[in-house]
Amino acid sequence: MQKQFKAIIERDEDGFFVASVPALPGCHTQAKTLSKLKKNLAEAIELCLEVAREDPDYRRAIKEFSYEPTFIGLETVLV
């Protein structure tokens, strides 16, 4: 059975794509291209799920810190 996760993807100052999965605390990865990022992201999620199966502390962290993101928008603010 496949599971679906939402990832937040940004581009850093060095041009790398950086992704995090809010439903899995500590689940982050990066890559130079989006296609490589997608592969890295799948691997990172699989590793986090493996840890969750074996580590009760990580399962507690998931319950305490995870959230399901809802995209609202992007705003540029001049100060």
N, C-alpha and C. Protein backbone atom coordinates (compact mmCIF):
# COMPACT_ATOMS: atom_id res chain seq x y z
N MET A 1 0.84 -1.18 0.00
CA MET A 1 0.00 0.00 0.00
C MET A 1 0.89 1.25 0.00
N GLN A 2 0.61 2.16 -0.91
CA GLN A 2 1.37 3.40 -0.99
C GLN A 2 0.76 4.45 -0.08
N LYS A 3 1.61 5.29 0.49
CA LYS A 3 1.17 6.43 1.29
C LYS A 3 1.55 7.70 0.55
N GLN A 4 0.79 8.74 0.80
CA GLN A 4 1.03 10.02 0.14
C GLN A 4 1.46 11.04 1.18
N PHE A 5 2.51 11.79 0.87
CA PHE A 5 3.02 12.83 1.77
C PHE A 5 3.18 14.12 0.99
N LYS A 6 2.92 15.24 1.67
CA LYS A 6 3.16 16.56 1.08
C LYS A 6 4.55 17.01 1.49
N ALA A 7 5.27 17.62 0.56
CA ALA A 7 6.60 18.15 0.83
C ALA A 7 6.62 19.63 0.51
N ILE A 8 7.38 20.36 1.28
CA ILE A 8 7.61 21.78 1.02
C ILE A 8 8.96 21.88 0.33
N ILE A 9 8.99 22.51 -0.84
CA ILE A 9 10.22 22.60 -1.64
C ILE A 9 10.58 24.07 -1.84
N GLU A 10 11.84 24.38 -1.58
CA GLU A 10 12.36 25.73 -1.77
C GLU A 10 13.68 25.63 -2.51
N ARG A 11 14.15 26.74 -3.03
CA ARG A 11 15.48 26.80 -3.64
C ARG A 11 16.35 27.67 -2.73
N ASP A 12 17.53 27.14 -2.36
CA ASP A 12 18.39 27.90 -1.47
C ASP A 12 19.29 28.88 -2.24
N GLU A 13 20.11 29.61 -1.50
CA GLU A 13 20.95 30.65 -2.10
C GLU A 13 22.03 30.10 -3.03
N ASP A 14 22.32 28.79 -2.91
CA ASP A 14 23.31 28.16 -3.79
C ASP A 14 22.67 27.49 -5.00
N GLY A 15 21.34 27.60 -5.14
CA GLY A 15 20.65 27.02 -6.28
C GLY A 15 20.17 25.60 -6.06
N PHE A 16 20.40 25.03 -4.87
CA PHE A 16 19.91 23.68 -4.58
C PHE A 16 18.44 23.72 -4.23
N PHE A 17 17.73 22.67 -4.59
CA PHE A 17 16.35 22.50 -4.16
C PHE A 17 16.38 21.78 -2.81
N VAL A 18 15.63 22.29 -1.86
CA VAL A 18 15.59 21.75 -0.50
C VAL A 18 14.15 21.39 -0.19
N ALA A 19 13.94 20.18 0.34
CA ALA A 19 12.58 19.72 0.63
C ALA A 19 12.47 19.22 2.06
N SER A 20 11.31 19.44 2.65
CA SER A 20 11.01 18.88 3.97
C SER A 20 9.59 18.31 3.94
N VAL A 21 9.37 17.32 4.79
CA VAL A 21 8.07 16.66 4.88
C VAL A 21 7.52 16.93 6.28
N PRO A 22 6.58 17.86 6.41
CA PRO A 22 6.07 18.22 7.73
C PRO A 22 5.42 17.06 8.51
N ALA A 23 4.93 16.06 7.83
CA ALA A 23 4.31 14.93 8.51
C ALA A 23 5.33 14.00 9.16
N LEU A 24 6.61 14.18 8.80
CA LEU A 24 7.69 13.34 9.35
C LEU A 24 8.79 14.24 9.87
N PRO A 25 8.78 14.55 11.16
CA PRO A 25 9.79 15.45 11.72
C PRO A 25 11.21 15.00 11.37
N GLY A 26 12.03 15.96 10.95
CA GLY A 26 13.41 15.66 10.60
C GLY A 26 13.59 15.09 9.21
N CYS A 27 12.53 14.99 8.43
CA CYS A 27 12.62 14.43 7.09
C CYS A 27 12.91 15.55 6.11
N HIS A 28 14.19 15.68 5.74
CA HIS A 28 14.67 16.74 4.85
C HIS A 28 15.63 16.14 3.83
N THR A 29 15.74 16.77 2.69
CA THR A 29 16.74 16.39 1.70
C THR A 29 16.98 17.56 0.76
N GLN A 30 17.99 17.40 -0.11
CA GLN A 30 18.29 18.44 -1.08
C GLN A 30 18.89 17.81 -2.32
N ALA A 31 18.86 18.58 -3.42
CA ALA A 31 19.45 18.11 -4.67
C ALA A 31 19.62 19.30 -5.61
N LYS A 32 20.43 19.11 -6.62
CA LYS A 32 20.69 20.18 -7.60
C LYS A 32 19.55 20.29 -8.62
N THR A 33 18.84 19.18 -8.89
CA THR A 33 17.74 19.20 -9.85
C THR A 33 16.46 18.70 -9.18
N LEU A 34 15.33 19.08 -9.76
CA LEU A 34 14.05 18.62 -9.21
C LEU A 34 13.87 17.12 -9.37
N SER A 35 14.36 16.55 -10.47
CA SER A 35 14.20 15.12 -10.65
C SER A 35 15.01 14.34 -9.62
N LYS A 36 16.21 14.80 -9.32
CA LYS A 36 17.02 14.16 -8.28
C LYS A 36 16.41 14.39 -6.90
N LEU A 37 15.84 15.57 -6.69
CA LEU A 37 15.19 15.86 -5.41
C LEU A 37 14.04 14.88 -5.17
N LYS A 38 13.27 14.59 -6.21
CA LYS A 38 12.14 13.68 -6.06
C LYS A 38 12.62 12.29 -5.64
N LYS A 39 13.70 11.82 -6.24
CA LYS A 39 14.27 10.52 -5.85
C LYS A 39 14.78 10.56 -4.41
N ASN A 40 15.51 11.62 -4.07
CA ASN A 40 16.03 11.75 -2.71
C ASN A 40 14.91 11.84 -1.69
N LEU A 41 13.84 12.52 -2.07
CA LEU A 41 12.71 12.68 -1.16
C LEU A 41 12.04 11.34 -0.88
N ALA A 42 11.85 10.53 -1.90
CA ALA A 42 11.26 9.20 -1.71
C ALA A 42 12.14 8.37 -0.78
N GLU A 43 13.46 8.43 -0.96
CA GLU A 43 14.38 7.70 -0.09
C GLU A 43 14.30 8.20 1.35
N ALA A 44 14.26 9.52 1.53
CA ALA A 44 14.20 10.09 2.87
C ALA A 44 12.91 9.68 3.58
N ILE A 45 11.80 9.69 2.87
CA ILE A 45 10.52 9.29 3.45
C ILE A 45 10.57 7.81 3.84
N GLU A 46 11.10 6.97 2.95
CA GLU A 46 11.20 5.54 3.26
C GLU A 46 12.05 5.30 4.50
N LEU A 47 13.17 6.03 4.62
CA LEU A 47 14.01 5.89 5.80
C LEU A 47 13.29 6.33 7.07
N CYS A 48 12.57 7.44 7.01
CA CYS A 48 11.83 7.91 8.18
C CYS A 48 10.74 6.91 8.58
N LEU A 49 10.06 6.33 7.60
CA LEU A 49 9.04 5.33 7.90
C LEU A 49 9.65 4.08 8.52
N GLU A 50 10.84 3.71 8.06
CA GLU A 50 11.54 2.56 8.63
C GLU A 50 11.90 2.83 10.09
N VAL A 51 12.40 4.03 10.36
CA VAL A 51 12.73 4.42 11.74
C VAL A 51 11.46 4.42 12.59
N ALA A 52 10.37 4.91 12.04
CA ALA A 52 9.10 4.97 12.79
C ALA A 52 8.63 3.57 13.18
N ARG A 53 8.86 2.58 12.32
CA ARG A 53 8.45 1.21 12.65
C ARG A 53 9.25 0.65 13.82
N GLU A 54 10.50 1.10 13.95
CA GLU A 54 11.40 0.52 14.95
C GLU A 54 11.59 1.36 16.21
N ASP A 55 11.32 2.65 16.15
CA ASP A 55 11.67 3.55 17.25
C ASP A 55 10.43 4.22 17.85
N PRO A 56 10.04 3.81 19.06
CA PRO A 56 8.85 4.42 19.68
C PRO A 56 9.02 5.92 19.96
N ASP A 57 10.25 6.37 20.21
CA ASP A 57 10.46 7.81 20.44
C ASP A 57 10.17 8.61 19.17
N TYR A 58 10.57 8.08 18.03
CA TYR A 58 10.27 8.78 16.78
C TYR A 58 8.77 8.77 16.50
N ARG A 59 8.09 7.67 16.81
CA ARG A 59 6.63 7.64 16.64
C ARG A 59 5.96 8.69 17.51
N ARG A 60 6.47 8.89 18.72
CA ARG A 60 5.93 9.94 19.59
C ARG A 60 6.20 11.32 18.99
N ALA A 61 7.40 11.51 18.43
CA ALA A 61 7.73 12.79 17.80
C ALA A 61 6.79 13.08 16.64
N ILE A 62 6.45 12.04 15.87
CA ILE A 62 5.51 12.23 14.76
C ILE A 62 4.17 12.71 15.30
N LYS A 63 3.69 12.08 16.36
CA LYS A 63 2.40 12.49 16.93
C LYS A 63 2.45 13.90 17.48
N GLU A 64 3.59 14.28 18.08
CA GLU A 64 3.69 15.58 18.73
C GLU A 64 3.99 16.74 17.78
N PHE A 65 4.86 16.50 16.78
CA PHE A 65 5.36 17.61 15.98
C PHE A 65 4.92 17.63 14.52
N SER A 66 4.35 16.57 14.03
CA SER A 66 3.99 16.55 12.60
C SER A 66 2.74 17.37 12.34
N TYR A 67 2.62 17.82 11.11
CA TYR A 67 1.41 18.53 10.69
C TYR A 67 1.23 18.35 9.19
N GLU A 68 0.04 18.58 8.73
CA GLU A 68 -0.30 18.48 7.31
C GLU A 68 -0.37 19.90 6.76
N PRO A 69 0.57 20.30 5.90
CA PRO A 69 0.58 21.68 5.43
C PRO A 69 -0.56 21.98 4.46
N THR A 70 -1.04 23.20 4.55
CA THR A 70 -2.03 23.71 3.60
C THR A 70 -1.43 24.97 2.99
N PHE A 71 -1.20 24.94 1.70
CA PHE A 71 -0.59 26.09 1.04
C PHE A 71 -1.59 27.24 0.96
N ILE A 72 -1.16 28.39 1.43
CA ILE A 72 -2.00 29.58 1.40
C ILE A 72 -1.54 30.53 0.30
N GLY A 73 -0.25 30.72 0.19
CA GLY A 73 0.26 31.62 -0.83
C GLY A 73 1.68 32.06 -0.51
N LEU A 74 2.18 32.93 -1.35
CA LEU A 74 3.52 33.46 -1.18
C LEU A 74 3.39 34.97 -1.23
N GLU A 75 3.99 35.63 -0.29
CA GLU A 75 3.84 37.09 -0.17
C GLU A 75 5.21 37.74 -0.08
N THR A 76 5.41 38.81 -0.83
CA THR A 76 6.61 39.62 -0.71
C THR A 76 6.25 40.85 0.10
N VAL A 77 7.03 41.09 1.15
CA VAL A 77 6.73 42.19 2.05
C VAL A 77 7.90 43.18 2.01
N LEU A 78 7.61 44.43 1.72
CA LEU A 78 8.62 45.48 1.73
C LEU A 78 8.61 46.15 3.09
N VAL A 79 9.78 46.33 3.69
CA VAL A 79 9.87 46.93 5.02
C VAL A 79 10.82 48.11 4.94
